[in-house]
């Protein structure tokens, strides 16, 4: 059961701008990928809340979101490339977009992230 109520404005945007004409999982994934790539205004600062794989531990880092991960990495989930603010210049990681909370981002970027989180919370799949 979805964890959020339907939002007609978001539903309309998803159906008419993001997954329009999608015939299969890959089409839906690429629809989301290109929507996010075009709508997110990179770079922006964010908090990355990463859950441990083997434990219930949660790690939070301030990161700079640099751009979308390569499209072939986004066929099952949406990933962005992030740089650890307190790390070395070459410390760039792929992070699930659902683990990113924008700190310093424009309205368009915040709305696009919220669209993705809505999609997940409604239980939609590629």
PDB file of N, CA and C in Angstrom:
ATOM      1  N   UNK A   1       0.837  -1.186   0.000  1.00  0.00           N
ATOM      2  CA  UNK A   1       0.000   0.000   0.000  1.00  0.00           C
ATOM      3  C   UNK A   1       0.884   1.253   0.000  1.00  0.00           C
ATOM      4  N   UNK A   2       0.578   2.216  -0.868  1.00  0.00           N
ATOM      5  CA  UNK A   2       1.386   3.442  -0.945  1.00  0.00           C
ATOM      6  C   UNK A   2       1.411   4.195   0.376  1.00  0.00           C
ATOM      7  N   UNK A   3       2.567   4.821   0.639  1.00  0.00           N
ATOM      8  CA  UNK A   3       2.723   5.554   1.894  1.00  0.00           C
ATOM      9  C   UNK A   3       2.343   7.021   1.772  1.00  0.00           C
ATOM     10  N   UNK A   4       1.972   7.481   0.585  1.00  0.00           N
ATOM     11  CA  UNK A   4       1.518   8.862   0.391  1.00  0.00           C
ATOM     12  C   UNK A   4       0.239   8.865  -0.441  1.00  0.00           C
ATOM     13  N   UNK A   5      -0.548   9.887  -0.209  1.00  0.00           N
ATOM     14  CA  UNK A   5      -1.788  10.062  -0.967  1.00  0.00           C
ATOM     15  C   UNK A   5      -1.471  10.513  -2.393  1.00  0.00           C
ATOM     16  N   UNK A   6      -2.354  10.201  -3.341  1.00  0.00           N
ATOM     17  CA  UNK A   6      -2.127  10.666  -4.712  1.00  0.00           C
ATOM     18  C   UNK A   6      -2.078  12.194  -4.786  1.00  0.00           C
ATOM     19  N   UNK A   7      -1.210  12.698  -5.610  1.00  0.00           N
ATOM     20  CA  UNK A   7      -1.072  14.131  -5.858  1.00  0.00           C
ATOM     21  C   UNK A   7      -1.317  14.312  -7.360  1.00  0.00           C
ATOM     22  N   UNK A   8      -2.480  14.859  -7.690  1.00  0.00           N
ATOM     23  CA  UNK A   8      -2.885  14.948  -9.096  1.00  0.00           C
ATOM     24  C   UNK A   8      -1.896  15.742  -9.953  1.00  0.00           C
ATOM     25  N   UNK A   9      -1.339  16.801  -9.407  1.00  0.00           N
ATOM     26  CA  UNK A   9      -0.377  17.609 -10.166  1.00  0.00           C
ATOM     27  C   UNK A   9       0.872  16.791 -10.496  1.00  0.00           C
ATOM     28  N   UNK A  10       1.393  16.062  -9.500  1.00  0.00           N
ATOM     29  CA  UNK A  10       2.568  15.210  -9.744  1.00  0.00           C
ATOM     30  C   UNK A  10       2.230  14.066 -10.693  1.00  0.00           C
ATOM     31  N   UNK A  11       1.072  13.447 -10.471  1.00  0.00           N
ATOM     32  CA  UNK A  11       0.661  12.345 -11.350  1.00  0.00           C
ATOM     33  C   UNK A  11       0.606  12.818 -12.802  1.00  0.00           C
ATOM     34  N   UNK A  12       0.046  13.989 -13.005  1.00  0.00           N
ATOM     35  CA  UNK A  12      -0.054  14.534 -14.360  1.00  0.00           C
ATOM     36  C   UNK A  12       1.335  14.760 -14.955  1.00  0.00           C
ATOM     37  N   UNK A  13       2.242  15.363 -14.175  1.00  0.00           N
ATOM     38  CA  UNK A  13       3.606  15.613 -14.660  1.00  0.00           C
ATOM     39  C   UNK A  13       4.309  14.289 -14.988  1.00  0.00           C
ATOM     40  N   UNK A  14       4.164  13.311 -14.112  1.00  0.00           N
ATOM     41  CA  UNK A  14       4.811  12.017 -14.341  1.00  0.00           C
ATOM     42  C   UNK A  14       4.293  11.384 -15.630  1.00  0.00           C
ATOM     43  N   UNK A  15       2.965  11.399 -15.804  1.00  0.00           N
ATOM     44  CA  UNK A  15       2.375  10.749 -16.973  1.00  0.00           C
ATOM     45  C   UNK A  15       2.614  11.500 -18.283  1.00  0.00           C
ATOM     46  N   UNK A  16       2.658  12.838 -18.221  1.00  0.00           N
ATOM     47  CA  UNK A  16       2.759  13.609 -19.466  1.00  0.00           C
ATOM     48  C   UNK A  16       4.159  14.097 -19.804  1.00  0.00           C
ATOM     49  N   UNK A  17       5.080  14.080 -18.814  1.00  0.00           N
ATOM     50  CA  UNK A  17       6.433  14.569 -19.088  1.00  0.00           C
ATOM     51  C   UNK A  17       7.515  13.514 -18.868  1.00  0.00           C
ATOM     52  N   UNK A  18       7.291  12.591 -17.950  1.00  0.00           N
ATOM     53  CA  UNK A  18       8.389  11.709 -17.539  1.00  0.00           C
ATOM     54  C   UNK A  18       8.283  10.327 -18.168  1.00  0.00           C
ATOM     55  N   UNK A  19       7.161   9.661 -18.006  1.00  0.00           N
ATOM     56  CA  UNK A  19       7.034   8.301 -18.542  1.00  0.00           C
ATOM     57  C   UNK A  19       6.105   8.237 -19.750  1.00  0.00           C
ATOM     58  N   UNK A  20       5.829   9.405 -20.341  1.00  0.00           N
ATOM     59  CA  UNK A  20       4.995   9.456 -21.529  1.00  0.00           C
ATOM     60  C   UNK A  20       5.600   8.569 -22.621  1.00  0.00           C
ATOM     61  N   UNK A  21       4.793   7.789 -23.270  1.00  0.00           N
ATOM     62  CA  UNK A  21       5.212   6.887 -24.356  1.00  0.00           C
ATOM     63  C   UNK A  21       6.104   5.733 -23.906  1.00  0.00           C
ATOM     64  N   UNK A  22       6.290   5.529 -22.609  1.00  0.00           N
ATOM     65  CA  UNK A  22       7.129   4.419 -22.133  1.00  0.00           C
ATOM     66  C   UNK A  22       6.369   3.109 -22.301  1.00  0.00           C
ATOM     67  N   UNK A  23       7.020   2.155 -22.946  1.00  0.00           N
ATOM     68  CA  UNK A  23       6.386   0.867 -23.190  1.00  0.00           C
ATOM     69  C   UNK A  23       6.883  -0.237 -22.268  1.00  0.00           C
ATOM     70  N   UNK A  24       8.053  -0.029 -21.646  1.00  0.00           N
ATOM     71  CA  UNK A  24       8.600  -1.074 -20.786  1.00  0.00           C
ATOM     72  C   UNK A  24       9.441  -0.466 -19.674  1.00  0.00           C
ATOM     73  N   UNK A  25      10.059  -1.336 -18.859  1.00  0.00           N
ATOM     74  CA  UNK A  25      10.852  -0.877 -17.717  1.00  0.00           C
ATOM     75  C   UNK A  25      11.980   0.049 -18.139  1.00  0.00           C
ATOM     76  N   UNK A  26      12.693  -0.323 -19.186  1.00  0.00           N
ATOM     77  CA  UNK A  26      13.828   0.491 -19.625  1.00  0.00           C
ATOM     78  C   UNK A  26      13.371   1.871 -20.099  1.00  0.00           C
ATOM     79  N   UNK A  27      12.243   1.926 -20.818  1.00  0.00           N
ATOM     80  CA  UNK A  27      11.713   3.217 -21.263  1.00  0.00           C
ATOM     81  C   UNK A  27      11.354   4.103 -20.069  1.00  0.00           C
ATOM     82  N   UNK A  28      10.724   3.516 -19.045  1.00  0.00           N
ATOM     83  CA  UNK A  28      10.357   4.294 -17.860  1.00  0.00           C
ATOM     84  C   UNK A  28      11.612   4.777 -17.134  1.00  0.00           C
ATOM     85  N   UNK A  29      12.616   3.904 -17.002  1.00  0.00           N
ATOM     86  CA  UNK A  29      13.871   4.291 -16.352  1.00  0.00           C
ATOM     87  C   UNK A  29      14.537   5.430 -17.111  1.00  0.00           C
ATOM     88  N   UNK A  30      14.591   5.337 -18.422  1.00  0.00           N
ATOM     89  CA  UNK A  30      15.238   6.383 -19.218  1.00  0.00           C
ATOM     90  C   UNK A  30      14.412   7.673 -19.212  1.00  0.00           C
ATOM     91  N   UNK A  31      13.090   7.559 -19.141  1.00  0.00           N
ATOM     92  CA  UNK A  31      12.245   8.747 -19.007  1.00  0.00           C
ATOM     93  C   UNK A  31      12.587   9.505 -17.739  1.00  0.00           C
ATOM     94  N   UNK A  32      12.690   8.751 -16.639  1.00  0.00           N
ATOM     95  CA  UNK A  32      13.082   9.372 -15.369  1.00  0.00           C
ATOM     96  C   UNK A  32      14.493   9.932 -15.462  1.00  0.00           C
ATOM     97  N   UNK A  33      15.411   9.189 -16.027  1.00  0.00           N
ATOM     98  CA  UNK A  33      16.799   9.626 -16.111  1.00  0.00           C
ATOM     99  C   UNK A  33      16.899  10.978 -16.831  1.00  0.00           C
ATOM    100  N   UNK A  34      16.288  11.068 -18.007  1.00  0.00           N
ATOM    101  CA  UNK A  34      16.418  12.296 -18.792  1.00  0.00           C
ATOM    102  C   UNK A  34      15.646  13.454 -18.166  1.00  0.00           C
ATOM    103  N   UNK A  35      14.518  13.177 -17.532  1.00  0.00           N
ATOM    104  CA  UNK A  35      13.799  14.224 -16.806  1.00  0.00           C
ATOM    105  C   UNK A  35      14.678  14.794 -15.693  1.00  0.00           C
ATOM    106  N   UNK A  36      15.281  13.918 -14.896  1.00  0.00           N
ATOM    107  CA  UNK A  36      16.128  14.375 -13.801  1.00  0.00           C
ATOM    108  C   UNK A  36      17.381  15.071 -14.313  1.00  0.00           C
ATOM    109  N   UNK A  37      17.999  14.521 -15.348  1.00  0.00           N
ATOM    110  CA  UNK A  37      19.209  15.134 -15.900  1.00  0.00           C
ATOM    111  C   UNK A  37      18.938  16.556 -16.412  1.00  0.00           C
ATOM    112  N   UNK A  38      17.768  16.755 -17.001  1.00  0.00           N
ATOM    113  CA  UNK A  38      17.426  18.069 -17.548  1.00  0.00           C
ATOM    114  C   UNK A  38      16.897  19.026 -16.480  1.00  0.00           C
ATOM    115  N   UNK A  39      16.298  18.509 -15.414  1.00  0.00           N
ATOM    116  CA  UNK A  39      15.609  19.350 -14.438  1.00  0.00           C
ATOM    117  C   UNK A  39      16.467  19.688 -13.224  1.00  0.00           C
ATOM    118  N   UNK A  40      17.293  18.756 -12.779  1.00  0.00           N
ATOM    119  CA  UNK A  40      18.165  19.037 -11.637  1.00  0.00           C
ATOM    120  C   UNK A  40      19.249  20.011 -12.073  1.00  0.00           C
ATOM    121  N   UNK A  41      19.418  21.070 -11.330  1.00  0.00           N
ATOM    122  CA  UNK A  41      20.422  22.085 -11.671  1.00  0.00           C
ATOM    123  C   UNK A  41      21.681  21.842 -10.834  1.00  0.00           C
ATOM    124  N   UNK A  42      22.639  21.191 -11.463  1.00  0.00           N
ATOM    125  CA  UNK A  42      23.900  20.805 -10.813  1.00  0.00           C
ATOM    126  C   UNK A  42      24.904  21.935 -10.912  1.00  0.00           C
ATOM    127  N   UNK A  43      25.848  22.026 -10.012  1.00  0.00           N
ATOM    128  CA  UNK A  43      25.952  21.267  -8.752  1.00  0.00           C
ATOM    129  C   UNK A  43      25.082  21.911  -7.673  1.00  0.00           C
ATOM    130  N   UNK A  44      24.758  21.130  -6.641  1.00  0.00           N
ATOM    131  CA  UNK A  44      24.067  21.670  -5.470  1.00  0.00           C
ATOM    132  C   UNK A  44      24.518  20.893  -4.237  1.00  0.00           C
ATOM    133  N   UNK A  45      24.391  21.545  -3.104  1.00  0.00           N
ATOM    134  CA  UNK A  45      24.796  20.937  -1.838  1.00  0.00           C
ATOM    135  C   UNK A  45      23.639  20.095  -1.307  1.00  0.00           C
ATOM    136  N   UNK A  46      24.000  19.006  -0.620  1.00  0.00           N
ATOM    137  CA  UNK A  46      22.982  18.095  -0.104  1.00  0.00           C
ATOM    138  C   UNK A  46      23.508  17.319   1.090  1.00  0.00           C
ATOM    139  N   UNK A  47      22.579  16.700   1.784  1.00  0.00           N
ATOM    140  CA  UNK A  47      22.926  15.770   2.849  1.00  0.00           C
ATOM    141  C   UNK A  47      22.636  14.375   2.302  1.00  0.00           C
ATOM    142  N   UNK A  48      23.640  13.501   2.378  1.00  0.00           N
ATOM    143  CA  UNK A  48      23.518  12.120   1.904  1.00  0.00           C
ATOM    144  C   UNK A  48      23.348  11.246   3.137  1.00  0.00           C
ATOM    145  N   UNK A  49      22.182  10.637   3.262  1.00  0.00           N
ATOM    146  CA  UNK A  49      21.894   9.740   4.374  1.00  0.00           C
ATOM    147  C   UNK A  49      21.983   8.322   3.840  1.00  0.00           C
ATOM    148  N   UNK A  50      23.077   7.674   4.196  1.00  0.00           N
ATOM    149  CA  UNK A  50      23.387   6.338   3.667  1.00  0.00           C
ATOM    150  C   UNK A  50      23.178   5.302   4.764  1.00  0.00           C
ATOM    151  N   UNK A  51      22.356   4.303   4.464  1.00  0.00           N
ATOM    152  CA  UNK A  51      22.102   3.231   5.421  1.00  0.00           C
ATOM    153  C   UNK A  51      23.103   2.109   5.198  1.00  0.00           C
ATOM    154  N   UNK A  52      23.604   1.541   6.308  1.00  0.00           N
ATOM    155  CA  UNK A  52      24.543   0.432   6.212  1.00  0.00           C
ATOM    156  C   UNK A  52      23.887  -0.808   5.630  1.00  0.00           C
ATOM    157  N   UNK A  53      24.610  -1.552   4.859  1.00  0.00           N
ATOM    158  CA  UNK A  53      24.058  -2.756   4.221  1.00  0.00           C
ATOM    159  C   UNK A  53      23.870  -3.898   5.203  1.00  0.00           C
ATOM    160  N   UNK A  54      24.792  -4.036   6.133  1.00  0.00           N
ATOM    161  CA  UNK A  54      24.763  -5.187   7.027  1.00  0.00           C
ATOM    162  C   UNK A  54      24.277  -4.837   8.427  1.00  0.00           C
ATOM    163  N   UNK A  55      24.085  -3.558   8.692  1.00  0.00           N
ATOM    164  CA  UNK A  55      23.624  -3.166  10.021  1.00  0.00           C
ATOM    165  C   UNK A  55      22.586  -2.062   9.884  1.00  0.00           C
ATOM    166  N   UNK A  56      22.014  -1.680  10.983  1.00  0.00           N
ATOM    167  CA  UNK A  56      20.996  -0.635  10.977  1.00  0.00           C
ATOM    168  C   UNK A  56      21.618   0.750  11.103  1.00  0.00           C
ATOM    169  N   UNK A  57      22.940   0.825  11.010  1.00  0.00           N
ATOM    170  CA  UNK A  57      23.613   2.116  11.177  1.00  0.00           C
ATOM    171  C   UNK A  57      23.285   3.052  10.013  1.00  0.00           C
ATOM    172  N   UNK A  58      23.268   4.338  10.325  1.00  0.00           N
ATOM    173  CA  UNK A  58      23.003   5.363   9.325  1.00  0.00           C
ATOM    174  C   UNK A  58      24.156   6.354   9.351  1.00  0.00           C
ATOM    175  N   UNK A  59      24.686   6.653   8.184  1.00  0.00           N
ATOM    176  CA  UNK A  59      25.789   7.600   8.067  1.00  0.00           C
ATOM    177  C   UNK A  59      25.292   8.808   7.276  1.00  0.00           C
ATOM    178  N   UNK A  60      25.569   9.998   7.794  1.00  0.00           N
ATOM    179  CA  UNK A  60      25.193  11.221   7.090  1.00  0.00           C
ATOM    180  C   UNK A  60      26.440  12.002   6.715  1.00  0.00           C
ATOM    181  N   UNK A  61      26.456  12.493   5.474  1.00  0.00           N
ATOM    182  CA  UNK A  61      27.577  13.295   4.990  1.00  0.00           C
ATOM    183  C   UNK A  61      27.027  14.482   4.228  1.00  0.00           C
ATOM    184  N   UNK A  62      27.737  15.595   4.334  1.00  0.00           N
ATOM    185  CA  UNK A  62      27.417  16.711   3.465  1.00  0.00           C
ATOM    186  C   UNK A  62      28.185  16.491   2.170  1.00  0.00           C
ATOM    187  N   UNK A  63      27.468  16.588   1.056  1.00  0.00           N
ATOM    188  CA  UNK A  63      28.078  16.318  -0.246  1.00  0.00           C
ATOM    189  C   UNK A  63      27.677  17.401  -1.240  1.00  0.00           C
ATOM    190  N   UNK A  64      28.452  17.458  -2.299  1.00  0.00           N
ATOM    191  CA  UNK A  64      28.088  18.281  -3.438  1.00  0.00           C
ATOM    192  C   UNK A  64      27.612  17.329  -4.527  1.00  0.00           C
ATOM    193  N   UNK A  65      26.400  17.518  -4.996  1.00  0.00           N
ATOM    194  CA  UNK A  65      25.844  16.668  -6.053  1.00  0.00           C
ATOM    195  C   UNK A  65      26.309  17.246  -7.381  1.00  0.00           C
ATOM    196  N   UNK A  66      27.070  16.438  -8.117  1.00  0.00           N
ATOM    197  CA  UNK A  66      27.746  16.915  -9.328  1.00  0.00           C
ATOM    198  C   UNK A  66      26.954  16.682 -10.608  1.00  0.00           C
ATOM    199  N   UNK A  67      26.170  15.605 -10.643  1.00  0.00           N
ATOM    200  CA  UNK A  67      25.421  15.271 -11.851  1.00  0.00           C
ATOM    201  C   UNK A  67      24.833  13.889 -11.732  1.00  0.00           C
ATOM    202  N   UNK A  68      24.129  13.478 -12.754  1.00  0.00           N
ATOM    203  CA  UNK A  68      23.564  12.133 -12.792  1.00  0.00           C
ATOM    204  C   UNK A  68      24.692  11.121 -13.010  1.00  0.00           C
ATOM    205  N   UNK A  69      24.535   9.946 -12.444  1.00  0.00           N
ATOM    206  CA  UNK A  69      25.445   8.842 -12.734  1.00  0.00           C
ATOM    207  C   UNK A  69      25.201   8.430 -14.189  1.00  0.00           C
ATOM    208  N   UNK A  70      26.116   7.655 -14.787  1.00  0.00           N
ATOM    209  CA  UNK A  70      25.887   7.208 -16.170  1.00  0.00           C
ATOM    210  C   UNK A  70      24.539   6.500 -16.306  1.00  0.00           C
ATOM    211  N   UNK A  71      23.891   6.681 -17.454  1.00  0.00           N
ATOM    212  CA  UNK A  71      22.540   6.148 -17.639  1.00  0.00           C
ATOM    213  C   UNK A  71      22.444   4.638 -17.455  1.00  0.00           C
ATOM    214  N   UNK A  72      23.498   3.884 -17.795  1.00  0.00           N
ATOM    215  CA  UNK A  72      23.437   2.436 -17.637  1.00  0.00           C
ATOM    216  C   UNK A  72      23.434   1.999 -16.169  1.00  0.00           C
ATOM    217  N   UNK A  73      23.787   2.907 -15.250  1.00  0.00           N
ATOM    218  CA  UNK A  73      23.711   2.607 -13.820  1.00  0.00           C
ATOM    219  C   UNK A  73      22.325   2.907 -13.256  1.00  0.00           C
ATOM    220  N   UNK A  74      21.466   3.502 -14.065  1.00  0.00           N
ATOM    221  CA  UNK A  74      20.166   3.967 -13.575  1.00  0.00           C
ATOM    222  C   UNK A  74      18.993   3.181 -14.162  1.00  0.00           C
ATOM    223  N   UNK A  75      19.211   1.930 -14.465  1.00  0.00           N
ATOM    224  CA  UNK A  75      18.129   1.119 -15.032  1.00  0.00           C
ATOM    225  C   UNK A  75      17.232   0.495 -13.961  1.00  0.00           C
ATOM    226  N   UNK A  76      17.694   0.480 -12.695  1.00  0.00           N
ATOM    227  CA  UNK A  76      16.883  -0.073 -11.602  1.00  0.00           C
ATOM    228  C   UNK A  76      16.559   0.959 -10.538  1.00  0.00           C
ATOM    229  N   UNK A  77      17.330   2.030 -10.478  1.00  0.00           N
ATOM    230  CA  UNK A  77      17.157   3.102  -9.500  1.00  0.00           C
ATOM    231  C   UNK A  77      17.879   4.327 -10.048  1.00  0.00           C
ATOM    232  N   UNK A  78      17.541   5.492  -9.548  1.00  0.00           N
ATOM    233  CA  UNK A  78      18.207   6.711  -9.998  1.00  0.00           C
ATOM    234  C   UNK A  78      19.385   7.020  -9.074  1.00  0.00           C
ATOM    235  N   UNK A  79      20.554   7.230  -9.676  1.00  0.00           N
ATOM    236  CA  UNK A  79      21.784   7.522  -8.951  1.00  0.00           C
ATOM    237  C   UNK A  79      22.354   8.855  -9.420  1.00  0.00           C
ATOM    238  N   UNK A  80      22.990   9.556  -8.482  1.00  0.00           N
ATOM    239  CA  UNK A  80      23.705  10.789  -8.792  1.00  0.00           C
ATOM    240  C   UNK A  80      25.151  10.640  -8.344  1.00  0.00           C
ATOM    241  N   UNK A  81      26.032  11.414  -8.960  1.00  0.00           N
ATOM    242  CA  UNK A  81      27.435  11.452  -8.567  1.00  0.00           C
ATOM    243  C   UNK A  81      27.593  12.529  -7.503  1.00  0.00           C
ATOM    244  N   UNK A  82      28.232  12.171  -6.393  1.00  0.00           N
ATOM    245  CA  UNK A  82      28.424  13.126  -5.300  1.00  0.00           C
ATOM    246  C   UNK A  82      29.892  13.166  -4.891  1.00  0.00           C
ATOM    247  N   UNK A  83      30.305  14.333  -4.411  1.00  0.00           N
ATOM    248  CA  UNK A  83      31.656  14.501  -3.872  1.00  0.00           C
ATOM    249  C   UNK A  83      31.515  14.834  -2.392  1.00  0.00           C
ATOM    250  N   UNK A  84      32.272  14.138  -1.561  1.00  0.00           N
ATOM    251  CA  UNK A  84      32.282  14.388  -0.122  1.00  0.00           C
ATOM    252  C   UNK A  84      32.930  15.746   0.121  1.00  0.00           C
ATOM    253  N   UNK A  85      32.185  16.650   0.759  1.00  0.00           N
ATOM    254  CA  UNK A  85      32.690  18.011   0.996  1.00  0.00           C
ATOM    255  C   UNK A  85      33.967  17.983   1.828  1.00  0.00           C
ATOM    256  N   UNK A  86      34.049  17.058   2.770  1.00  0.00           N
ATOM    257  CA  UNK A  86      35.224  16.972   3.641  1.00  0.00           C
ATOM    258  C   UNK A  86      36.256  15.960   3.158  1.00  0.00           C
ATOM    259  N   UNK A  87      36.045  15.404   1.983  1.00  0.00           N
ATOM    260  CA  UNK A  87      36.957  14.395   1.464  1.00  0.00           C
ATOM    261  C   UNK A  87      37.979  14.974   0.505  1.00  0.00           C
ATOM    262  N   UNK A  88      38.676  14.089  -0.172  1.00  0.00           N
ATOM    263  CA  UNK A  88      39.657  14.492  -1.176  1.00  0.00           C
ATOM    264  C   UNK A  88      38.925  14.884  -2.459  1.00  0.00           C
ATOM    265  N   UNK A  89      39.601  15.648  -3.294  1.00  0.00           N
ATOM    266  CA  UNK A  89      38.985  16.109  -4.537  1.00  0.00           C
ATOM    267  C   UNK A  89      38.554  14.968  -5.447  1.00  0.00           C
ATOM    268  N   UNK A  90      39.242  13.837  -5.365  1.00  0.00           N
ATOM    269  CA  UNK A  90      38.906  12.722  -6.246  1.00  0.00           C
ATOM    270  C   UNK A  90      37.941  11.722  -5.598  1.00  0.00           C
ATOM    271  N   UNK A  91      37.382  12.049  -4.426  1.00  0.00           N
ATOM    272  CA  UNK A  91      36.413  11.181  -3.767  1.00  0.00           C
ATOM    273  C   UNK A  91      35.021  11.459  -4.324  1.00  0.00           C
ATOM    274  N   UNK A  92      34.673  10.761  -5.404  1.00  0.00           N
ATOM    275  CA  UNK A  92      33.372  10.898  -6.035  1.00  0.00           C
ATOM    276  C   UNK A  92      32.676   9.548  -5.953  1.00  0.00           C
ATOM    277  N   UNK A  93      31.415   9.565  -5.513  1.00  0.00           N
ATOM    278  CA  UNK A  93      30.650   8.337  -5.289  1.00  0.00           C
ATOM    279  C   UNK A  93      29.329   8.409  -6.034  1.00  0.00           C
ATOM    280  N   UNK A  94      28.739   7.236  -6.274  1.00  0.00           N
ATOM    281  CA  UNK A  94      27.367   7.163  -6.763  1.00  0.00           C
ATOM    282  C   UNK A  94      26.459   6.993  -5.556  1.00  0.00           C
ATOM    283  N   UNK A  95      25.432   7.816  -5.486  1.00  0.00           N
ATOM    284  CA  UNK A  95      24.477   7.753  -4.382  1.00  0.00           C
ATOM    285  C   UNK A  95      23.069   7.640  -4.951  1.00  0.00           C
ATOM    286  N   UNK A  96      22.225   6.870  -4.284  1.00  0.00           N
ATOM    287  CA  UNK A  96      20.823   6.809  -4.687  1.00  0.00           C
ATOM    288  C   UNK A  96      20.216   8.193  -4.500  1.00  0.00           C
ATOM    289  N   UNK A  97      19.480   8.646  -5.471  1.00  0.00           N
ATOM    290  CA  UNK A  97      18.831   9.948  -5.360  1.00  0.00           C
ATOM    291  C   UNK A  97      17.872   9.970  -4.167  1.00  0.00           C
ATOM    292  N   UNK A  98      17.307   8.838  -3.830  1.00  0.00           N
ATOM    293  CA  UNK A  98      16.373   8.770  -2.696  1.00  0.00           C
ATOM    294  C   UNK A  98      17.076   8.969  -1.353  1.00  0.00           C
ATOM    295  N   UNK A  99      18.406   8.922  -1.332  1.00  0.00           N
ATOM    296  CA  UNK A  99      19.173   9.140  -0.103  1.00  0.00           C
ATOM    297  C   UNK A  99      19.720  10.572  -0.009  1.00  0.00           C
ATOM    298  N   UNK A 100      19.327  11.410  -0.958  1.00  0.00           N
ATOM    299  CA  UNK A 100      19.834  12.782  -1.042  1.00  0.00           C
ATOM    300  C   UNK A 100      18.749  13.762  -0.612  1.00  0.00           C
ATOM    301  N   UNK A 101      19.123  14.670   0.287  1.00  0.00           N
ATOM    302  CA  UNK A 101      18.241  15.774   0.689  1.00  0.00           C
ATOM    303  C   UNK A 101      18.946  17.070   0.321  1.00  0.00           C
ATOM    304  N   UNK A 102      18.381  17.797  -0.614  1.00  0.00           N
ATOM    305  CA  UNK A 102      19.000  19.041  -1.076  1.00  0.00           C
ATOM    306  C   UNK A 102      19.048  20.058   0.050  1.00  0.00           C
ATOM    307  N   UNK A 103      20.198  20.708   0.188  1.00  0.00           N
ATOM    308  CA  UNK A 103      20.377  21.763   1.185  1.00  0.00           C
ATOM    309  C   UNK A 103      20.291  23.125   0.508  1.00  0.00           C
ATOM    310  N   UNK A 104      21.029  23.253  -0.562  1.00  0.00           N
ATOM    311  CA  UNK A 104      21.137  24.528  -1.253  1.00  0.00           C
ATOM    312  C   UNK A 104      20.824  24.281  -2.718  1.00  0.00           C
ATOM    313  N   UNK A 105      19.531  24.186  -3.032  1.00  0.00           N
ATOM    314  CA  UNK A 105      19.139  23.901  -4.408  1.00  0.00           C
ATOM    315  C   UNK A 105      17.952  24.779  -4.768  1.00  0.00           C
ATOM    316  N   UNK A 106      17.805  25.054  -6.050  1.00  0.00           N
ATOM    317  CA  UNK A 106      16.693  25.893  -6.487  1.00  0.00           C
ATOM    318  C   UNK A 106      15.371  25.111  -6.440  1.00  0.00           C
ATOM    319  N   UNK A 107      14.290  25.819  -6.656  1.00  0.00           N
ATOM    320  CA  UNK A 107      12.945  25.245  -6.554  1.00  0.00           C
ATOM    321  C   UNK A 107      12.734  24.123  -7.559  1.00  0.00           C
ATOM    322  N   UNK A 108      13.230  24.296  -8.771  1.00  0.00           N
ATOM    323  CA  UNK A 108      13.068  23.281  -9.818  1.00  0.00           C
ATOM    324  C   UNK A 108      13.754  21.971  -9.407  1.00  0.00           C
ATOM    325  N   UNK A 109      14.949  22.068  -8.856  1.00  0.00           N
ATOM    326  CA  UNK A 109      15.684  20.888  -8.406  1.00  0.00           C
ATOM    327  C   UNK A 109      14.959  20.212  -7.257  1.00  0.00           C
ATOM    328  N   UNK A 110      14.494  20.986  -6.293  1.00  0.00           N
ATOM    329  CA  UNK A 110      13.773  20.414  -5.155  1.00  0.00           C
ATOM    330  C   UNK A 110      12.502  19.706  -5.606  1.00  0.00           C
ATOM    331  N   UNK A 111      11.793  20.298  -6.563  1.00  0.00           N
ATOM    332  CA  UNK A 111      10.563  19.681  -7.064  1.00  0.00           C
ATOM    333  C   UNK A 111      10.853  18.368  -7.786  1.00  0.00           C
ATOM    334  N   UNK A 112      11.921  18.323  -8.581  1.00  0.00           N
ATOM    335  CA  UNK A 112      12.271  17.096  -9.303  1.00  0.00           C
ATOM    336  C   UNK A 112      12.642  15.982  -8.330  1.00  0.00           C
ATOM    337  N   UNK A 113      13.389  16.308  -7.282  1.00  0.00           N
ATOM    338  CA  UNK A 113      13.719  15.302  -6.266  1.00  0.00           C
ATOM    339  C   UNK A 113      12.447  14.839  -5.576  1.00  0.00           C
ATOM    340  N   UNK A 114      11.556  15.775  -5.262  1.00  0.00           N
ATOM    341  CA  UNK A 114      10.280  15.421  -4.624  1.00  0.00           C
ATOM    342  C   UNK A 114       9.437  14.532  -5.538  1.00  0.00           C
ATOM    343  N   UNK A 115       9.485  14.769  -6.848  1.00  0.00           N
ATOM    344  CA  UNK A 115       8.771  13.908  -7.798  1.00  0.00           C
ATOM    345  C   UNK A 115       9.288  12.477  -7.706  1.00  0.00           C
ATOM    346  N   UNK A 116      10.611  12.318  -7.658  1.00  0.00           N
ATOM    347  CA  UNK A 116      11.210  10.990  -7.575  1.00  0.00           C
ATOM    348  C   UNK A 116      10.825  10.300  -6.258  1.00  0.00           C
ATOM    349  N   UNK A 117      10.900  11.037  -5.153  1.00  0.00           N
ATOM    350  CA  UNK A 117      10.531  10.468  -3.845  1.00  0.00           C
ATOM    351  C   UNK A 117       9.054  10.092  -3.808  1.00  0.00           C
ATOM    352  N   UNK A 118       8.221  10.878  -4.459  1.00  0.00           N
ATOM    353  CA  UNK A 118       6.787  10.574  -4.562  1.00  0.00           C
ATOM    354  C   UNK A 118       6.589   9.267  -5.322  1.00  0.00           C
ATOM    355  N   UNK A 119       7.267   9.124  -6.454  1.00  0.00           N
ATOM    356  CA  UNK A 119       7.180   7.913  -7.283  1.00  0.00           C
ATOM    357  C   UNK A 119       7.491   6.672  -6.436  1.00  0.00           C
ATOM    358  N   UNK A 120       8.562   6.757  -5.673  1.00  0.00           N
ATOM    359  CA  UNK A 120       8.968   5.630  -4.813  1.00  0.00           C
ATOM    360  C   UNK A 120       7.925   5.386  -3.724  1.00  0.00           C
ATOM    361  N   UNK A 121       7.495   6.452  -3.059  1.00  0.00           N
ATOM    362  CA  UNK A 121       6.540   6.321  -1.952  1.00  0.00           C
ATOM    363  C   UNK A 121       5.197   5.767  -2.425  1.00  0.00           C
ATOM    364  N   UNK A 122       4.822   6.028  -3.639  1.00  0.00           N
ATOM    365  CA  UNK A 122       3.566   5.486  -4.189  1.00  0.00           C
ATOM    366  C   UNK A 122       3.718   4.014  -4.568  1.00  0.00           C
ATOM    367  N   UNK A 123       4.953   3.509  -4.529  1.00  0.00           N
ATOM    368  CA  UNK A 123       5.177   2.097  -4.844  1.00  0.00           C
ATOM    369  C   UNK A 123       5.285   1.815  -6.326  1.00  0.00           C
ATOM    370  N   UNK A 124       5.475   2.851  -7.121  1.00  0.00           N
ATOM    371  CA  UNK A 124       5.622   2.660  -8.558  1.00  0.00           C
ATOM    372  C   UNK A 124       6.985   2.039  -8.852  1.00  0.00           C
ATOM    373  N   UNK A 125       7.036   1.298  -9.932  1.00  0.00           N
ATOM    374  CA  UNK A 125       8.263   0.637 -10.360  1.00  0.00           C
ATOM    375  C   UNK A 125       8.479   0.905 -11.843  1.00  0.00           C
ATOM    376  N   UNK A 126       9.725   0.700 -12.273  1.00  0.00           N
ATOM    377  CA  UNK A 126      10.017   0.851 -13.703  1.00  0.00           C
ATOM    378  C   UNK A 126       9.313  -0.265 -14.441  1.00  0.00           C
TER     379      UNK A 126
END
